[in-house]
N, C-alpha and C. Protein backbone atom coordinates (compact mmCIF):
# COMPACT_ATOMS: atom_id res chain seq x y z
N MET A 1 106.63 30.93 -169.52
CA MET A 1 105.50 31.76 -169.26
C MET A 1 104.47 31.01 -168.41
N LEU A 2 104.22 29.80 -168.82
CA LEU A 2 103.29 28.99 -168.08
C LEU A 2 103.79 28.76 -166.66
N ARG A 3 105.09 28.64 -166.52
CA ARG A 3 105.67 28.48 -165.19
C ARG A 3 105.40 29.69 -164.32
N ARG A 4 105.50 30.85 -164.88
CA ARG A 4 105.26 32.07 -164.11
C ARG A 4 103.80 32.16 -163.66
N LEU A 5 102.88 31.68 -164.45
CA LEU A 5 101.48 31.69 -164.07
C LEU A 5 101.23 30.83 -162.83
N PHE A 6 101.94 29.72 -162.75
CA PHE A 6 101.79 28.87 -161.57
C PHE A 6 102.58 29.39 -160.39
N LEU A 7 103.64 30.14 -160.65
CA LEU A 7 104.50 30.65 -159.59
C LEU A 7 103.78 31.73 -158.76
N ILE A 8 103.00 32.59 -159.37
CA ILE A 8 102.33 33.67 -158.65
C ILE A 8 101.31 33.11 -157.65
N PRO A 9 100.39 32.20 -158.03
CA PRO A 9 99.49 31.64 -157.02
C PRO A 9 100.23 30.85 -155.95
N ALA A 10 101.28 30.17 -156.31
CA ALA A 10 102.05 29.40 -155.33
C ALA A 10 102.66 30.32 -154.29
N LEU A 11 103.20 31.47 -154.72
CA LEU A 11 103.77 32.44 -153.78
C LEU A 11 102.68 33.02 -152.88
N ALA A 12 101.49 33.27 -153.43
CA ALA A 12 100.39 33.81 -152.63
C ALA A 12 99.96 32.81 -151.57
N ILE A 13 99.87 31.55 -151.93
CA ILE A 13 99.49 30.53 -150.96
C ILE A 13 100.57 30.37 -149.90
N ALA A 14 101.80 30.42 -150.28
CA ALA A 14 102.90 30.31 -149.32
C ALA A 14 102.88 31.49 -148.36
N GLY A 15 102.57 32.68 -148.87
CA GLY A 15 102.50 33.85 -148.01
C GLY A 15 101.36 33.74 -147.00
N ILE A 16 100.21 33.24 -147.44
CA ILE A 16 99.08 33.06 -146.54
C ILE A 16 99.43 32.04 -145.47
N CYS A 17 100.06 30.97 -145.87
CA CYS A 17 100.46 29.95 -144.90
C CYS A 17 101.46 30.50 -143.90
N THR A 18 102.37 31.35 -144.39
CA THR A 18 103.35 31.94 -143.49
C THR A 18 102.65 32.87 -142.50
N LEU A 19 101.72 33.68 -142.99
CA LEU A 19 100.99 34.57 -142.10
C LEU A 19 100.15 33.77 -141.11
N ALA A 20 99.51 32.73 -141.59
CA ALA A 20 98.65 31.93 -140.72
C ALA A 20 99.44 31.24 -139.64
N SER A 21 100.61 30.83 -139.94
CA SER A 21 101.40 30.14 -138.92
C SER A 21 101.86 31.10 -137.83
N GLY A 22 101.83 32.40 -138.06
CA GLY A 22 102.20 33.37 -137.05
C GLY A 22 101.03 33.78 -136.16
N ALA A 23 99.83 33.31 -136.48
CA ALA A 23 98.64 33.67 -135.68
C ALA A 23 98.67 32.93 -134.35
N LYS A 24 98.20 33.59 -133.33
CA LYS A 24 98.14 33.00 -131.98
C LYS A 24 96.69 32.99 -131.52
N ALA A 25 96.30 31.99 -130.79
CA ALA A 25 94.95 31.90 -130.25
C ALA A 25 95.01 32.03 -128.74
N ASP A 26 93.97 32.57 -128.19
CA ASP A 26 93.85 32.67 -126.74
C ASP A 26 92.38 32.48 -126.37
N THR A 27 92.08 32.36 -125.12
CA THR A 27 90.71 32.15 -124.68
C THR A 27 90.33 33.19 -123.64
N VAL A 28 89.04 33.39 -123.50
CA VAL A 28 88.50 34.21 -122.42
C VAL A 28 87.47 33.37 -121.70
N ASN A 29 87.32 33.60 -120.41
CA ASN A 29 86.40 32.83 -119.60
C ASN A 29 85.29 33.72 -119.06
N PHE A 30 84.16 33.11 -118.78
CA PHE A 30 83.03 33.80 -118.17
C PHE A 30 82.63 33.04 -116.92
N SER A 31 82.18 33.76 -115.94
CA SER A 31 81.63 33.11 -114.75
C SER A 31 80.54 34.00 -114.19
N GLY A 32 79.66 33.41 -113.43
CA GLY A 32 78.58 34.17 -112.82
C GLY A 32 78.16 33.47 -111.54
N VAL A 33 77.61 34.22 -110.64
CA VAL A 33 77.19 33.67 -109.36
C VAL A 33 75.72 34.00 -109.14
N VAL A 34 74.96 32.99 -108.78
CA VAL A 34 73.58 33.19 -108.34
C VAL A 34 73.62 33.09 -106.83
N PRO A 35 73.31 34.18 -106.13
CA PRO A 35 73.40 34.14 -104.67
C PRO A 35 72.44 33.10 -104.08
N ASP A 36 72.88 32.48 -103.01
CA ASP A 36 72.02 31.50 -102.35
C ASP A 36 71.37 32.09 -101.11
N SER A 37 71.13 33.40 -101.17
CA SER A 37 70.45 34.04 -100.05
C SER A 37 69.40 35.00 -100.58
N CYS A 38 68.47 35.33 -99.75
CA CYS A 38 67.42 36.28 -100.09
C CYS A 38 67.78 37.64 -99.49
N SER A 39 67.26 38.69 -100.09
CA SER A 39 67.52 40.02 -99.53
C SER A 39 66.22 40.81 -99.44
N TRP A 40 66.10 41.55 -98.35
CA TRP A 40 64.92 42.39 -98.10
C TRP A 40 65.15 43.77 -98.68
N GLY A 41 64.07 44.40 -99.14
CA GLY A 41 64.15 45.75 -99.66
C GLY A 41 63.29 46.70 -98.85
N VAL A 42 62.67 47.63 -99.54
CA VAL A 42 61.88 48.69 -98.91
C VAL A 42 60.65 48.11 -98.21
N ALA A 43 60.40 48.58 -97.00
CA ALA A 43 59.23 48.14 -96.22
C ALA A 43 58.38 49.34 -95.85
N THR A 44 57.07 49.14 -95.83
CA THR A 44 56.15 50.16 -95.33
C THR A 44 55.24 49.51 -94.29
N ASN A 45 54.91 50.26 -93.26
CA ASN A 45 54.05 49.73 -92.20
C ASN A 45 52.60 49.67 -92.64
N GLY A 46 51.86 48.76 -92.04
CA GLY A 46 50.44 48.63 -92.31
C GLY A 46 49.61 49.36 -91.27
N THR A 47 48.31 49.42 -91.50
CA THR A 47 47.39 50.06 -90.58
C THR A 47 46.24 49.10 -90.28
N LEU A 48 45.93 48.95 -89.00
CA LEU A 48 44.78 48.16 -88.59
C LEU A 48 43.59 49.10 -88.46
N GLN A 49 42.48 48.72 -89.07
CA GLN A 49 41.30 49.57 -89.08
C GLN A 49 40.24 49.01 -88.13
N TYR A 50 39.55 49.93 -87.50
CA TYR A 50 38.45 49.58 -86.59
C TYR A 50 37.14 49.83 -87.32
N ASN A 51 36.22 48.89 -87.23
CA ASN A 51 34.91 49.03 -87.84
C ASN A 51 33.86 48.95 -86.74
N PRO A 52 33.16 50.02 -86.44
CA PRO A 52 32.15 50.00 -85.36
C PRO A 52 31.08 48.92 -85.55
N ALA A 53 30.85 48.50 -86.79
CA ALA A 53 29.88 47.44 -87.04
C ALA A 53 30.39 46.07 -86.56
N ASN A 54 31.70 45.96 -86.39
CA ASN A 54 32.31 44.73 -85.89
C ASN A 54 33.34 45.13 -84.83
N PRO A 55 32.89 45.50 -83.62
CA PRO A 55 33.77 46.12 -82.62
C PRO A 55 34.78 45.17 -81.96
N ASN A 56 34.81 43.92 -82.36
CA ASN A 56 35.77 42.98 -81.79
C ASN A 56 37.00 42.81 -82.68
N VAL A 57 37.07 43.50 -83.81
CA VAL A 57 38.11 43.22 -84.81
C VAL A 57 38.85 44.49 -85.22
N LEU A 58 40.17 44.38 -85.27
CA LEU A 58 41.03 45.34 -85.96
C LEU A 58 41.64 44.56 -87.13
N THR A 59 41.61 45.12 -88.34
CA THR A 59 42.12 44.38 -89.50
C THR A 59 42.78 45.32 -90.51
N SER A 60 43.75 44.76 -91.23
CA SER A 60 44.37 45.50 -92.33
C SER A 60 43.57 45.30 -93.62
N ASP A 61 42.55 44.45 -93.56
CA ASP A 61 41.76 44.13 -94.76
C ASP A 61 40.46 44.91 -94.83
N GLY A 62 40.50 46.14 -94.38
CA GLY A 62 39.30 46.98 -94.45
C GLY A 62 39.08 47.47 -95.88
N THR A 63 38.26 48.51 -96.00
CA THR A 63 38.00 49.10 -97.31
C THR A 63 38.45 50.54 -97.29
N PRO A 64 39.50 50.93 -97.97
CA PRO A 64 40.42 50.06 -98.69
C PRO A 64 41.35 49.33 -97.72
N PRO A 65 42.00 48.27 -98.19
CA PRO A 65 42.93 47.55 -97.32
C PRO A 65 44.22 48.35 -97.09
N PHE A 66 44.81 48.16 -95.91
CA PHE A 66 46.06 48.84 -95.56
C PHE A 66 47.10 47.85 -95.05
N PRO A 67 47.49 46.86 -95.88
CA PRO A 67 48.52 45.93 -95.41
C PRO A 67 49.88 46.60 -95.38
N ALA A 68 50.80 46.02 -94.63
CA ALA A 68 52.20 46.42 -94.71
C ALA A 68 52.74 45.81 -96.01
N THR A 69 53.80 46.39 -96.55
CA THR A 69 54.44 45.81 -97.73
C THR A 69 55.95 45.76 -97.48
N ILE A 70 56.57 44.78 -98.12
CA ILE A 70 58.03 44.67 -98.05
C ILE A 70 58.51 43.97 -99.32
N GLU A 71 59.67 44.40 -99.82
CA GLU A 71 60.24 43.79 -101.02
C GLU A 71 61.17 42.65 -100.62
N LEU A 72 61.12 41.57 -101.39
CA LEU A 72 61.97 40.41 -101.14
C LEU A 72 62.48 39.88 -102.47
N THR A 73 63.79 39.65 -102.55
CA THR A 73 64.40 39.05 -103.74
C THR A 73 65.08 37.76 -103.31
N CYS A 74 64.71 36.66 -103.96
CA CYS A 74 65.30 35.34 -103.70
C CYS A 74 65.72 34.74 -105.04
N PRO A 75 66.95 35.04 -105.52
CA PRO A 75 67.37 34.56 -106.84
C PRO A 75 67.34 33.04 -106.99
N SER A 76 67.49 32.31 -105.91
CA SER A 76 67.48 30.85 -105.98
C SER A 76 66.16 30.26 -105.50
N GLY A 77 65.17 31.11 -105.23
CA GLY A 77 63.92 30.62 -104.67
C GLY A 77 64.08 30.42 -103.17
N GLY A 78 63.02 30.02 -102.52
CA GLY A 78 63.12 29.78 -101.08
C GLY A 78 61.76 29.78 -100.42
N ASN A 79 61.76 29.99 -99.13
CA ASN A 79 60.55 30.02 -98.33
C ASN A 79 60.54 31.26 -97.45
N VAL A 80 59.34 31.72 -97.13
CA VAL A 80 59.18 32.81 -96.18
C VAL A 80 58.37 32.26 -95.02
N ASP A 81 58.93 32.36 -93.83
CA ASP A 81 58.22 31.96 -92.62
C ASP A 81 57.54 33.19 -92.05
N VAL A 82 56.26 33.05 -91.72
CA VAL A 82 55.47 34.16 -91.17
C VAL A 82 55.22 33.85 -89.70
N ALA A 83 55.80 34.64 -88.82
CA ALA A 83 55.62 34.43 -87.38
C ALA A 83 54.29 35.03 -86.93
N ASP A 84 53.79 34.54 -85.83
CA ASP A 84 52.58 35.12 -85.25
C ASP A 84 52.88 36.55 -84.80
N PRO A 85 51.90 37.44 -84.90
CA PRO A 85 52.11 38.81 -84.45
C PRO A 85 52.46 38.86 -82.96
N VAL A 86 53.37 39.76 -82.62
CA VAL A 86 53.76 39.99 -81.22
C VAL A 86 53.12 41.31 -80.80
N PRO A 87 52.23 41.26 -79.80
CA PRO A 87 51.55 42.50 -79.40
C PRO A 87 52.46 43.43 -78.61
N GLY A 88 52.19 44.73 -78.75
CA GLY A 88 52.86 45.72 -77.93
C GLY A 88 52.10 45.87 -76.62
N ALA A 89 52.18 47.05 -76.01
CA ALA A 89 51.47 47.32 -74.75
C ALA A 89 50.03 47.71 -75.08
N ASN A 90 49.23 46.72 -75.46
CA ASN A 90 47.86 46.97 -75.90
C ASN A 90 46.89 47.07 -74.72
N PRO A 91 45.77 47.77 -74.91
CA PRO A 91 44.80 47.93 -73.83
C PRO A 91 44.17 46.61 -73.37
N MET A 92 44.13 45.59 -74.24
CA MET A 92 43.56 44.30 -73.85
C MET A 92 44.14 43.21 -74.75
N PRO A 93 44.14 41.96 -74.29
CA PRO A 93 44.67 40.88 -75.12
C PRO A 93 43.75 40.59 -76.32
N THR A 94 44.36 40.13 -77.40
CA THR A 94 43.61 39.78 -78.61
C THR A 94 44.16 38.47 -79.17
N ASN A 95 43.34 37.81 -79.97
CA ASN A 95 43.80 36.67 -80.76
C ASN A 95 44.24 37.23 -82.10
N ASP A 96 45.48 36.95 -82.49
CA ASP A 96 46.08 37.61 -83.64
C ASP A 96 46.50 36.60 -84.69
N ARG A 97 46.49 37.04 -85.92
CA ARG A 97 47.03 36.23 -87.01
C ARG A 97 47.56 37.16 -88.09
N ALA A 98 48.57 36.70 -88.79
CA ALA A 98 49.14 37.46 -89.90
C ALA A 98 49.33 36.51 -91.07
N TRP A 99 49.25 37.04 -92.28
CA TRP A 99 49.50 36.23 -93.47
C TRP A 99 50.10 37.13 -94.53
N VAL A 100 50.71 36.49 -95.53
CA VAL A 100 51.44 37.22 -96.57
C VAL A 100 50.92 36.79 -97.94
N ILE A 101 50.79 37.77 -98.82
CA ILE A 101 50.41 37.51 -100.21
C ILE A 101 51.42 38.23 -101.10
N GLY A 102 51.92 37.53 -102.11
CA GLY A 102 52.82 38.15 -103.08
C GLY A 102 52.02 38.82 -104.17
N ILE A 103 52.32 40.08 -104.47
CA ILE A 103 51.51 40.78 -105.47
C ILE A 103 52.17 40.83 -106.84
N ASN A 104 53.40 40.29 -106.99
CA ASN A 104 54.01 40.21 -108.31
C ASN A 104 53.77 38.86 -108.96
N GLY A 105 53.15 37.93 -108.24
CA GLY A 105 52.78 36.66 -108.85
C GLY A 105 53.78 35.53 -108.72
N THR A 106 54.89 35.71 -107.98
CA THR A 106 55.85 34.61 -107.88
C THR A 106 55.64 33.78 -106.62
N ILE A 107 54.61 34.10 -105.85
CA ILE A 107 54.29 33.30 -104.66
C ILE A 107 53.48 32.09 -105.11
N ASN A 108 53.84 30.92 -104.62
CA ASN A 108 53.10 29.71 -104.97
C ASN A 108 51.73 29.69 -104.30
N SER A 109 51.69 29.99 -103.01
CA SER A 109 50.41 29.99 -102.31
C SER A 109 50.53 30.85 -101.06
N PRO A 110 49.50 31.61 -100.73
CA PRO A 110 49.57 32.43 -99.53
C PRO A 110 49.45 31.57 -98.27
N ALA A 111 50.11 32.00 -97.23
CA ALA A 111 49.99 31.34 -95.92
C ALA A 111 48.99 32.14 -95.11
N ASN A 112 47.91 31.55 -94.70
CA ASN A 112 46.88 32.26 -93.97
C ASN A 112 47.03 31.96 -92.49
N GLY A 113 47.31 32.98 -91.73
CA GLY A 113 47.47 32.80 -90.29
C GLY A 113 48.82 32.25 -89.91
N GLY A 114 49.88 32.74 -90.51
CA GLY A 114 51.23 32.27 -90.19
C GLY A 114 51.64 31.13 -91.09
N GLY A 115 52.72 30.45 -90.74
CA GLY A 115 53.18 29.33 -91.53
C GLY A 115 54.28 29.71 -92.49
N THR A 116 54.45 28.85 -93.51
CA THR A 116 55.53 29.03 -94.48
C THR A 116 54.93 29.08 -95.88
N LEU A 117 55.48 29.93 -96.74
CA LEU A 117 55.07 29.95 -98.13
C LEU A 117 56.28 29.91 -99.02
N ALA A 118 56.12 29.32 -100.20
CA ALA A 118 57.23 29.15 -101.14
C ALA A 118 57.36 30.38 -102.03
N ILE A 119 58.62 30.71 -102.35
CA ILE A 119 58.94 31.79 -103.26
C ILE A 119 59.64 31.16 -104.46
N ASN A 120 59.18 31.44 -105.68
CA ASN A 120 59.87 30.96 -106.86
C ASN A 120 61.15 31.76 -107.05
N SER A 121 62.10 31.18 -107.77
CA SER A 121 63.35 31.90 -108.01
C SER A 121 63.07 33.07 -108.94
N SER A 122 63.66 34.21 -108.62
CA SER A 122 63.49 35.41 -109.43
C SER A 122 64.53 36.44 -109.03
N SER A 123 65.05 37.13 -110.02
CA SER A 123 65.98 38.22 -109.71
C SER A 123 65.22 39.54 -109.55
N ILE A 124 63.91 39.47 -109.69
CA ILE A 124 63.06 40.65 -109.53
C ILE A 124 62.51 40.67 -108.11
N ALA A 125 62.50 41.83 -107.50
CA ALA A 125 61.98 41.93 -106.14
C ALA A 125 60.48 41.62 -106.12
N GLU A 126 60.10 40.71 -105.28
CA GLU A 126 58.69 40.37 -105.05
C GLU A 126 58.17 41.32 -103.99
N ILE A 127 57.04 41.95 -104.23
CA ILE A 127 56.43 42.80 -103.22
C ILE A 127 55.46 41.94 -102.43
N LEU A 128 55.72 41.80 -101.16
CA LEU A 128 54.87 41.01 -100.28
C LEU A 128 53.92 41.92 -99.53
N GLU A 129 52.65 41.59 -99.52
CA GLU A 129 51.68 42.27 -98.67
C GLU A 129 51.56 41.46 -97.38
N VAL A 130 51.77 42.13 -96.26
CA VAL A 130 51.64 41.48 -94.96
C VAL A 130 50.32 41.95 -94.36
N HIS A 131 49.40 41.02 -94.22
CA HIS A 131 48.08 41.32 -93.68
C HIS A 131 48.02 40.87 -92.23
N MET A 132 47.16 41.52 -91.44
CA MET A 132 47.03 41.17 -90.03
C MET A 132 45.62 41.41 -89.54
N GLU A 133 45.26 40.63 -88.54
CA GLU A 133 43.95 40.78 -87.91
C GLU A 133 44.10 40.52 -86.42
N ALA A 134 43.49 41.37 -85.61
CA ALA A 134 43.46 41.20 -84.15
C ALA A 134 41.99 41.14 -83.74
N VAL A 135 41.65 40.09 -82.97
CA VAL A 135 40.25 39.87 -82.60
C VAL A 135 40.14 39.73 -81.09
N SER A 136 39.19 40.45 -80.51
CA SER A 136 38.91 40.30 -79.09
C SER A 136 38.16 38.98 -78.90
N PRO A 137 38.64 38.13 -77.98
CA PRO A 137 37.97 36.85 -77.78
C PRO A 137 36.64 36.98 -77.02
N GLY A 138 36.35 38.14 -76.50
CA GLY A 138 35.12 38.30 -75.70
C GLY A 138 34.46 39.62 -75.99
N PRO A 139 34.60 40.58 -75.06
CA PRO A 139 33.92 41.87 -75.23
C PRO A 139 34.55 42.66 -76.38
N PRO A 140 33.86 43.70 -76.81
CA PRO A 140 34.45 44.56 -77.85
C PRO A 140 35.81 45.09 -77.42
N LEU A 141 36.61 45.45 -78.40
CA LEU A 141 37.95 45.97 -78.11
C LEU A 141 37.86 47.22 -77.24
N ALA A 142 38.75 47.28 -76.25
CA ALA A 142 38.82 48.45 -75.38
C ALA A 142 39.45 49.62 -76.14
N PRO A 143 39.04 50.84 -75.85
CA PRO A 143 39.64 52.00 -76.51
C PRO A 143 41.14 52.07 -76.24
N GLY A 144 41.88 52.59 -77.19
CA GLY A 144 43.32 52.76 -77.04
C GLY A 144 44.05 52.40 -78.32
N THR A 145 45.36 52.47 -78.25
CA THR A 145 46.22 52.17 -79.40
C THR A 145 46.73 50.75 -79.28
N TYR A 146 46.60 50.00 -80.36
CA TYR A 146 47.06 48.62 -80.43
C TYR A 146 48.23 48.56 -81.42
N THR A 147 49.33 47.93 -80.99
CA THR A 147 50.49 47.79 -81.87
C THR A 147 50.94 46.33 -81.90
N TYR A 148 51.48 45.94 -83.04
CA TYR A 148 51.93 44.56 -83.24
C TYR A 148 53.16 44.56 -84.12
N THR A 149 53.98 43.53 -83.97
CA THR A 149 55.13 43.32 -84.83
C THR A 149 55.01 41.93 -85.44
N VAL A 150 55.16 41.84 -86.75
CA VAL A 150 55.15 40.57 -87.46
C VAL A 150 56.54 40.37 -88.05
N THR A 151 57.16 39.23 -87.72
CA THR A 151 58.49 38.92 -88.23
C THR A 151 58.39 37.95 -89.40
N LEU A 152 59.05 38.29 -90.50
CA LEU A 152 59.14 37.44 -91.67
C LEU A 152 60.59 36.97 -91.78
N THR A 153 60.79 35.69 -92.05
CA THR A 153 62.13 35.15 -92.20
C THR A 153 62.21 34.47 -93.57
N ALA A 154 63.16 34.91 -94.39
CA ALA A 154 63.35 34.32 -95.72
C ALA A 154 64.48 33.30 -95.65
N ASN A 155 64.21 32.10 -96.18
CA ASN A 155 65.19 31.02 -96.22
C ASN A 155 65.38 30.56 -97.65
N PRO A 156 66.62 30.64 -98.17
CA PRO A 156 66.84 30.18 -99.55
C PRO A 156 66.68 28.68 -99.67
């Protein structure tokens, strides 16, 4: 009788060992890629405002301001180069400058009047405000339409 009491647990343990020895293990792998490039998103054009109290200046920083905006995503971080504005067929030459400010807070410092600014790494699109100012070096601005193009280059 005592033998049978020991036989039942022994058979149970042997069965578990037999089942366990039939188990198979396998693995699964994970991988991910952080792109080493920046991508541009939605852009809107800005408006230069004329103020009769200061007839030598067209600016996007009027009241209210009308900067251009553009979305930029740089998952690995990077820099944005701000080129000087390129004038269109304007009625008279002007001294021009453009600068960019990040409004989502991932910009380290704004570049005033061109230059390069740093972008922190983020998978969220940074909305950049592109500001511009055109100034007549002498007489007040001549009547007419003034157009400019500002090129931004993102480098990871």
